[in-house]
PDB file of N, CA and C in Angstrom:
ATOM      1  N   MET A   1     -24.504 -21.913 -15.811  1.00  0.00           N
ATOM      2  CA  MET A   1     -23.076 -21.486 -16.111  1.00  0.00           C
ATOM      3  C   MET A   1     -21.992 -22.216 -14.951  1.00  0.00           C
ATOM      4  N   LYS A   2     -21.415 -23.211 -15.267  1.00  0.00           N
ATOM      5  CA  LYS A   2     -20.483 -23.728 -14.303  1.00  0.00           C
ATOM      6  C   LYS A   2     -19.461 -22.558 -13.012  1.00  0.00           C
ATOM      7  N   LEU A   3     -19.987 -22.886 -12.469  1.00  0.00           N
ATOM      8  CA  LEU A   3     -18.802 -21.901 -11.447  1.00  0.00           C
ATOM      9  C   LEU A   3     -17.938 -23.238 -10.601  1.00  0.00           C
ATOM     10  N   SER A   4     -16.732 -22.523 -10.983  1.00  0.00           N
ATOM     11  CA  SER A   4     -15.464 -22.713 -10.323  1.00  0.00           C
ATOM     12  C   SER A   4     -14.308 -21.741  -9.886  1.00  0.00           C
ATOM     13  N   GLY A   5     -13.370 -22.309  -9.259  1.00  0.00           N
ATOM     14  CA  GLY A   5     -12.879 -21.179  -8.223  1.00  0.00           C
ATOM     15  C   GLY A   5     -13.191 -20.109  -8.095  1.00  0.00           C
ATOM     16  N   ASN A   6     -13.062 -19.128  -8.595  1.00  0.00           N
ATOM     17  CA  ASN A   6     -13.612 -17.723  -7.462  1.00  0.00           C
ATOM     18  C   ASN A   6     -14.963 -17.096  -8.309  1.00  0.00           C
ATOM     19  N   LYS A   7     -15.357 -18.014  -9.100  1.00  0.00           N
ATOM     20  CA  LYS A   7     -16.544 -17.679 -10.219  1.00  0.00           C
ATOM     21  C   LYS A   7     -17.750 -17.702  -8.872  1.00  0.00           C
ATOM     22  N   ASN A   8     -18.684 -16.851  -8.790  1.00  0.00           N
ATOM     23  CA  ASN A   8     -19.900 -16.477  -8.071  1.00  0.00           C
ATOM     24  C   ASN A   8     -20.982 -16.394  -8.552  1.00  0.00           C
ATOM     25  N   GLN A   9     -21.960 -16.929  -8.054  1.00  0.00           N
ATOM     26  CA  GLN A   9     -23.180 -16.327  -8.337  1.00  0.00           C
ATOM     27  C   GLN A   9     -23.778 -15.760  -7.335  1.00  0.00           C
ATOM     28  N   CYS A  10     -24.459 -14.383  -7.284  1.00  0.00           N
ATOM     29  CA  CYS A  10     -24.776 -14.068  -6.380  1.00  0.00           C
ATOM     30  C   CYS A  10     -26.663 -14.345  -6.008  1.00  0.00           C
ATOM     31  N   ARG A  11     -26.984 -15.053  -4.912  1.00  0.00           N
ATOM     32  CA  ARG A  11     -28.091 -15.565  -4.515  1.00  0.00           C
ATOM     33  C   ARG A  11     -29.060 -13.958  -4.496  1.00  0.00           C
ATOM     34  N   THR A  12     -29.086 -13.120  -4.265  1.00  0.00           N
ATOM     35  CA  THR A  12     -30.300 -12.312  -4.216  1.00  0.00           C
ATOM     36  C   THR A  12     -30.318 -11.623  -5.358  1.00  0.00           C
ATOM     37  N   CYS A  13     -29.507 -11.558  -6.940  1.00  0.00           N
ATOM     38  CA  CYS A  13     -30.051 -10.862  -8.083  1.00  0.00           C
ATOM     39  C   CYS A  13     -29.104 -11.958  -8.831  1.00  0.00           C
ATOM     40  N   ASP A  14     -29.018 -13.381  -8.311  1.00  0.00           N
ATOM     41  CA  ASP A  14     -28.722 -14.242  -9.501  1.00  0.00           C
ATOM     42  C   ASP A  14     -27.693 -13.711 -10.859  1.00  0.00           C
ATOM     43  N   THR A  15     -26.849 -12.653 -10.311  1.00  0.00           N
ATOM     44  CA  THR A  15     -26.111 -12.250 -11.418  1.00  0.00           C
ATOM     45  C   THR A  15     -24.844 -12.705 -11.026  1.00  0.00           C
ATOM     46  N   TYR A  16     -23.662 -13.404 -11.513  1.00  0.00           N
ATOM     47  CA  TYR A  16     -22.526 -13.869 -12.410  1.00  0.00           C
ATOM     48  C   TYR A  16     -21.562 -13.196 -12.217  1.00  0.00           C
ATOM     49  N   PHE A  17     -20.463 -13.363 -11.264  1.00  0.00           N
ATOM     50  CA  PHE A  17     -19.430 -12.549 -10.953  1.00  0.00           C
ATOM     51  C   PHE A  17     -17.459 -13.377 -11.733  1.00  0.00           C
ATOM     52  N   ASN A  18     -16.572 -13.152 -11.884  1.00  0.00           N
ATOM     53  CA  ASN A  18     -15.408 -13.725 -12.139  1.00  0.00           C
ATOM     54  C   ASN A  18     -14.315 -13.695 -11.082  1.00  0.00           C
ATOM     55  N   SER A  19     -14.927 -13.105 -10.165  1.00  0.00           N
ATOM     56  CA  SER A  19     -13.857 -12.803  -8.918  1.00  0.00           C
ATOM     57  C   SER A  19     -14.934 -12.165  -7.372  1.00  0.00           C
ATOM     58  N   ASN A  20     -14.113 -13.086  -6.493  1.00  0.00           N
ATOM     59  CA  ASN A  20     -14.793 -12.378  -5.498  1.00  0.00           C
ATOM     60  C   ASN A  20     -14.459 -10.668  -5.259  1.00  0.00           C
ATOM     61  N   THR A  21     -13.529 -10.208  -5.976  1.00  0.00           N
ATOM     62  CA  THR A  21     -13.908  -8.594  -5.639  1.00  0.00           C
ATOM     63  C   THR A  21     -14.770  -8.443  -6.068  1.00  0.00           C
ATOM     64  N   ALA A  22     -15.003  -8.837  -7.890  1.00  0.00           N
ATOM     65  CA  ALA A  22     -16.232  -8.377  -8.078  1.00  0.00           C
ATOM     66  C   ALA A  22     -17.941  -8.447  -7.871  1.00  0.00           C
ATOM     67  N   PHE A  23     -17.496  -9.852  -6.936  1.00  0.00           N
ATOM     68  CA  PHE A  23     -18.926 -10.016  -5.976  1.00  0.00           C
ATOM     69  C   PHE A  23     -19.313  -9.211  -5.177  1.00  0.00           C
ATOM     70  N   ASP A  24     -18.143  -8.337  -4.734  1.00  0.00           N
ATOM     71  CA  ASP A  24     -18.156  -7.903  -3.596  1.00  0.00           C
ATOM     72  C   ASP A  24     -18.176  -5.716  -3.497  1.00  0.00           C
ATOM     73  N   MET A  25     -17.540  -6.269  -5.276  1.00  0.00           N
ATOM     74  CA  MET A  25     -17.879  -4.489  -5.621  1.00  0.00           C
ATOM     75  C   MET A  25     -19.563  -4.483  -5.800  1.00  0.00           C
ATOM     76  N   HIS A  26     -20.041  -5.175  -6.050  1.00  0.00           N
ATOM     77  CA  HIS A  26     -21.289  -5.512  -6.383  1.00  0.00           C
ATOM     78  C   HIS A  26     -22.606  -5.223  -5.341  1.00  0.00           C
ATOM     79  N   ARG A  27     -22.499  -5.461  -4.251  1.00  0.00           N
ATOM     80  CA  ARG A  27     -22.774  -4.700  -3.019  1.00  0.00           C
ATOM     81  C   ARG A  27     -22.984  -3.584  -2.134  1.00  0.00           C
ATOM     82  N   THR A  28     -23.384  -2.738  -2.128  1.00  0.00           N
ATOM     83  CA  THR A  28     -23.603  -1.946  -1.589  1.00  0.00           C
ATOM     84  C   THR A  28     -24.270  -1.549  -0.239  1.00  0.00           C
ATOM     85  N   GLY A  29     -24.164  -0.578   1.027  1.00  0.00           N
ATOM     86  CA  GLY A  29     -25.285  -0.350   2.003  1.00  0.00           C
ATOM     87  C   GLY A  29     -24.116  -1.270   3.021  1.00  0.00           C
ATOM     88  N   LYS A  30     -24.934  -0.819   4.212  1.00  0.00           N
ATOM     89  CA  LYS A  30     -24.308  -1.363   5.468  1.00  0.00           C
ATOM     90  C   LYS A  30     -25.084  -2.251   5.655  1.00  0.00           C
ATOM     91  N   HIS A  31     -24.550  -3.692   6.221  1.00  0.00           N
ATOM     92  CA  HIS A  31     -24.834  -4.815   6.848  1.00  0.00           C
ATOM     93  C   HIS A  31     -26.138  -4.459   8.070  1.00  0.00           C
ATOM     94  N   GLY A  32     -26.662  -4.962   7.477  1.00  0.00           N
ATOM     95  CA  GLY A  32     -28.299  -4.868   8.152  1.00  0.00           C
ATOM     96  C   GLY A  32     -29.296  -3.851   8.637  1.00  0.00           C
ATOM     97  N   LEU A  33     -28.829  -3.181   7.879  1.00  0.00           N
ATOM     98  CA  LEU A  33     -29.448  -1.541   7.471  1.00  0.00           C
ATOM     99  C   LEU A  33     -30.167  -1.375   6.289  1.00  0.00           C
ATOM    100  N   ASN A  34     -29.256  -1.323   5.513  1.00  0.00           N
ATOM    101  CA  ASN A  34     -29.321  -1.222   3.540  1.00  0.00           C
ATOM    102  C   ASN A  34     -28.644  -1.859   2.774  1.00  0.00           C
ATOM    103  N   ARG A  35     -28.144  -2.991   3.005  1.00  0.00           N
ATOM    104  CA  ARG A  35     -27.557  -3.940   1.698  1.00  0.00           C
ATOM    105  C   ARG A  35     -28.298  -4.336   0.741  1.00  0.00           C
ATOM    106  N   ARG A  36     -27.770  -3.725   0.005  1.00  0.00           N
ATOM    107  CA  ARG A  36     -28.226  -4.238  -2.130  1.00  0.00           C
ATOM    108  C   ARG A  36     -27.067  -4.455  -2.546  1.00  0.00           C
ATOM    109  N   CYS A  37     -27.996  -5.114  -3.856  1.00  0.00           N
ATOM    110  CA  CYS A  37     -27.308  -5.417  -5.143  1.00  0.00           C
ATOM    111  C   CYS A  37     -26.950  -4.217  -5.412  1.00  0.00           C
ATOM    112  N   ARG A  38     -25.920  -3.641  -6.036  1.00  0.00           N
ATOM    113  CA  ARG A  38     -26.142  -2.958  -7.305  1.00  0.00           C
ATOM    114  C   ARG A  38     -26.539  -2.947  -8.452  1.00  0.00           C
ATOM    115  N   THR A  39     -27.248  -2.160  -9.160  1.00  0.00           N
ATOM    116  CA  THR A  39     -27.647  -2.197 -10.346  1.00  0.00           C
ATOM    117  C   THR A  39     -26.507  -2.424 -11.578  1.00  0.00           C
ATOM    118  N   PRO A  40     -27.179  -3.138 -12.915  1.00  0.00           N
ATOM    119  CA  PRO A  40     -26.360  -2.877 -13.629  1.00  0.00           C
ATOM    120  C   PRO A  40     -25.932  -1.535 -13.960  1.00  0.00           C
ATOM    121  N   ALA A  41     -26.909  -0.687 -14.056  1.00  0.00           N
ATOM    122  CA  ALA A  41     -25.984   0.971 -14.217  1.00  0.00           C
ATOM    123  C   ALA A  41     -24.825   1.191 -13.380  1.00  0.00           C
ATOM    124  N   GLU A  42     -25.055   1.106 -12.573  1.00  0.00           N
ATOM    125  CA  GLU A  42     -24.025   1.325 -11.355  1.00  0.00           C
ATOM    126  C   GLU A  42     -23.056   0.413 -10.904  1.00  0.00           C
ATOM    127  N   MET A  43     -23.037  -0.560 -11.154  1.00  0.00           N
ATOM    128  CA  MET A  43     -21.918  -1.386 -11.946  1.00  0.00           C
ATOM    129  C   MET A  43     -21.120  -0.654 -13.143  1.00  0.00           C
ATOM    130  N   LEU A  44     -21.681  -0.610 -14.078  1.00  0.00           N
ATOM    131  CA  LEU A  44     -21.466   0.039 -15.218  1.00  0.00           C
ATOM    132  C   LEU A  44     -20.473   1.247 -14.870  1.00  0.00           C
ATOM    133  N   ALA A  45     -21.018   2.070 -14.016  1.00  0.00           N
ATOM    134  CA  ALA A  45     -20.577   3.261 -13.222  1.00  0.00           C
ATOM    135  C   ALA A  45     -19.153   3.244 -13.134  1.00  0.00           C
ATOM    136  N   LEU A  46     -18.980   1.990 -12.148  1.00  0.00           N
ATOM    137  CA  LEU A  46     -17.275   1.869 -11.557  1.00  0.00           C
ATOM    138  C   LEU A  46     -16.796   1.328 -12.253  1.00  0.00           C
ATOM    139  N   GLY A  47     -16.981   1.234 -13.287  1.00  0.00           N
ATOM    140  CA  GLY A  47     -16.124   0.746 -14.407  1.00  0.00           C
ATOM    141  C   GLY A  47     -16.143  -0.934 -14.586  1.00  0.00           C
ATOM    142  N   MET A  48     -17.158  -1.536 -14.326  1.00  0.00           N
ATOM    143  CA  MET A  48     -17.199  -3.016 -14.368  1.00  0.00           C
ATOM    144  C   MET A  48     -17.686  -3.157 -15.258  1.00  0.00           C
ATOM    145  N   PHE A  49     -17.802  -4.427 -16.177  1.00  0.00           N
ATOM    146  CA  PHE A  49     -18.210  -4.960 -17.272  1.00  0.00           C
ATOM    147  C   PHE A  49     -18.341  -6.499 -17.437  1.00  0.00           C
ATOM    148  N   ILE A  50     -19.246  -6.970 -18.043  1.00  0.00           N
ATOM    149  CA  ILE A  50     -19.786  -8.298 -18.415  1.00  0.00           C
ATOM    150  C   ILE A  50     -18.659  -8.860 -19.457  1.00  0.00           C
ATOM    151  N   ASN A  51     -18.013  -9.661 -19.517  1.00  0.00           N
ATOM    152  CA  ASN A  51     -16.981 -10.630 -20.085  1.00  0.00           C
ATOM    153  C   ASN A  51     -17.404 -11.156 -21.344  1.00  0.00           C
ATOM    154  N   ILE A  52     -16.738 -11.666 -22.148  1.00  0.00           N
ATOM    155  CA  ILE A  52     -17.368 -12.596 -23.017  1.00  0.00           C
ATOM    156  C   ILE A  52     -18.063 -13.597 -23.091  1.00  0.00           C
ATOM    157  N   TYR A  53     -17.495 -14.264 -21.495  1.00  0.00           N
ATOM    158  CA  TYR A  53     -18.011 -15.742 -20.864  1.00  0.00           C
ATOM    159  C   TYR A  53     -19.637 -15.150 -20.227  1.00  0.00           C
ATOM    160  N   GLY A  54     -20.216 -13.604 -20.095  1.00  0.00           N
ATOM    161  CA  GLY A  54     -20.993 -13.615 -19.094  1.00  0.00           C
ATOM    162  C   GLY A  54     -20.841 -13.299 -17.898  1.00  0.00           C
ATOM    163  N   TYR A  55     -19.903 -13.705 -17.285  1.00  0.00           N
ATOM    164  CA  TYR A  55     -19.560 -13.061 -15.700  1.00  0.00           C
ATOM    165  C   TYR A  55     -18.808 -11.094 -15.797  1.00  0.00           C
ATOM    166  N   TRP A  56     -19.784 -10.734 -14.580  1.00  0.00           N
ATOM    167  CA  TRP A  56     -19.096  -9.711 -14.609  1.00  0.00           C
ATOM    168  C   TRP A  56     -17.863  -9.341 -14.323  1.00  0.00           C
ATOM    169  N   VAL A  57     -16.658  -8.770 -14.456  1.00  0.00           N
ATOM    170  CA  VAL A  57     -15.599  -8.365 -13.771  1.00  0.00           C
ATOM    171  C   VAL A  57     -15.238  -7.209 -13.492  1.00  0.00           C
ATOM    172  N   SER A  58     -14.794  -7.076 -12.769  1.00  0.00           N
ATOM    173  CA  SER A  58     -13.974  -5.804 -11.380  1.00  0.00           C
ATOM    174  C   SER A  58     -13.600  -4.819 -12.938  1.00  0.00           C
ATOM    175  N   GLU A  59     -12.694  -5.497 -13.829  1.00  0.00           N
ATOM    176  CA  GLU A  59     -11.857  -4.780 -14.673  1.00  0.00           C
ATOM    177  C   GLU A  59     -11.095  -5.989 -15.465  1.00  0.00           C
ATOM    178  N   PRO A  60     -10.917  -5.124 -16.659  1.00  0.00           N
ATOM    179  CA  PRO A  60     -10.278  -5.661 -17.454  1.00  0.00           C
ATOM    180  C   PRO A  60      -9.757  -6.498 -17.881  1.00  0.00           C
ATOM    181  N   MET A  61      -8.607  -7.653 -17.893  1.00  0.00           N
ATOM    182  CA  MET A  61      -7.400  -8.321 -17.071  1.00  0.00           C
ATOM    183  C   MET A  61      -6.172  -7.516 -18.636  1.00  0.00           C
ATOM    184  N   ARG A  62      -5.240  -7.507 -17.798  1.00  0.00           N
ATOM    185  CA  ARG A  62      -4.138  -6.653 -18.660  1.00  0.00           C
ATOM    186  C   ARG A  62      -2.936  -7.479 -18.823  1.00  0.00           C
ATOM    187  N   LYS A  63      -2.692  -7.391 -19.978  1.00  0.00           N
ATOM    188  CA  LYS A  63      -1.852  -8.845 -20.043  1.00  0.00           C
ATOM    189  C   LYS A  63      -0.292  -7.474 -20.317  1.00  0.00           C
ATOM    190  N   LYS A  64       0.648  -8.449 -19.558  1.00  0.00           N
ATOM    191  CA  LYS A  64       2.025  -7.734 -19.596  1.00  0.00           C
ATOM    192  C   LYS A  64       2.856  -8.667 -20.286  1.00  0.00           C
ATOM    193  N   PHE A  65       3.466  -7.510 -20.411  1.00  0.00           N
ATOM    194  CA  PHE A  65       4.829  -7.870 -21.942  1.00  0.00           C
ATOM    195  C   PHE A  65       5.794  -7.721 -21.105  1.00  0.00           C
ATOM    196  N   TYR A  66       7.092  -8.569 -21.090  1.00  0.00           N
ATOM    197  CA  TYR A  66       7.670  -8.591 -20.478  1.00  0.00           C
ATOM    198  C   TYR A  66       9.094  -8.666 -22.187  1.00  0.00           C
ATOM    199  N   ALA A  67      10.321  -7.522 -21.794  1.00  0.00           N
ATOM    200  CA  ALA A  67      11.167  -7.265 -22.916  1.00  0.00           C
ATOM    201  C   ALA A  67      12.122  -8.712 -22.715  1.00  0.00           C
ATOM    202  N   LYS A  68      12.100  -9.190 -23.619  1.00  0.00           N
ATOM    203  CA  LYS A  68      13.134 -10.685 -23.940  1.00  0.00           C
ATOM    204  C   LYS A  68      14.627 -10.077 -23.608  1.00  0.00           C
ATOM    205  N   THR A  69      15.569  -9.815 -22.554  1.00  0.00           N
ATOM    206  CA  THR A  69      16.671  -9.395 -22.584  1.00  0.00           C
ATOM    207  C   THR A  69      17.633 -10.658 -22.940  1.00  0.00           C
ATOM    208  N   ASP A  70      18.995  -9.893 -23.055  1.00  0.00           N
ATOM    209  CA  ASP A  70      20.277 -11.049 -23.242  1.00  0.00           C
ATOM    210  C   ASP A  70      21.632 -11.037 -22.280  1.00  0.00           C
ATOM    211  N   THR A  71      21.458 -11.719 -21.140  1.00  0.00           N
ATOM    212  CA  THR A  71      22.322 -10.868 -20.423  1.00  0.00           C
ATOM    213  C   THR A  71      23.266 -11.707 -20.269  1.00  0.00           C
ATOM    214  N   VAL A  72      24.755 -11.355 -20.296  1.00  0.00           N
ATOM    215  CA  VAL A  72      26.112 -12.207 -20.641  1.00  0.00           C
ATOM    216  C   VAL A  72      27.142 -11.751 -19.397  1.00  0.00           C
TER     217      VAL A  72
END
């Protein structure tokens, strides 16, 4: 996969993430003590999922709809 922008790959588990937020969510534990990658089941339980491009994401993209108003 091509990595650009905030997309990244964990060098520990080789998993791809669509954002720094998703990457950070997949790590758990204290640095230097018990830091590790979450399992896919743990990430799903957090509400994360794999998008159509194969990247883990922290939440679905939400489309914002704005009402068109006429102001005079």
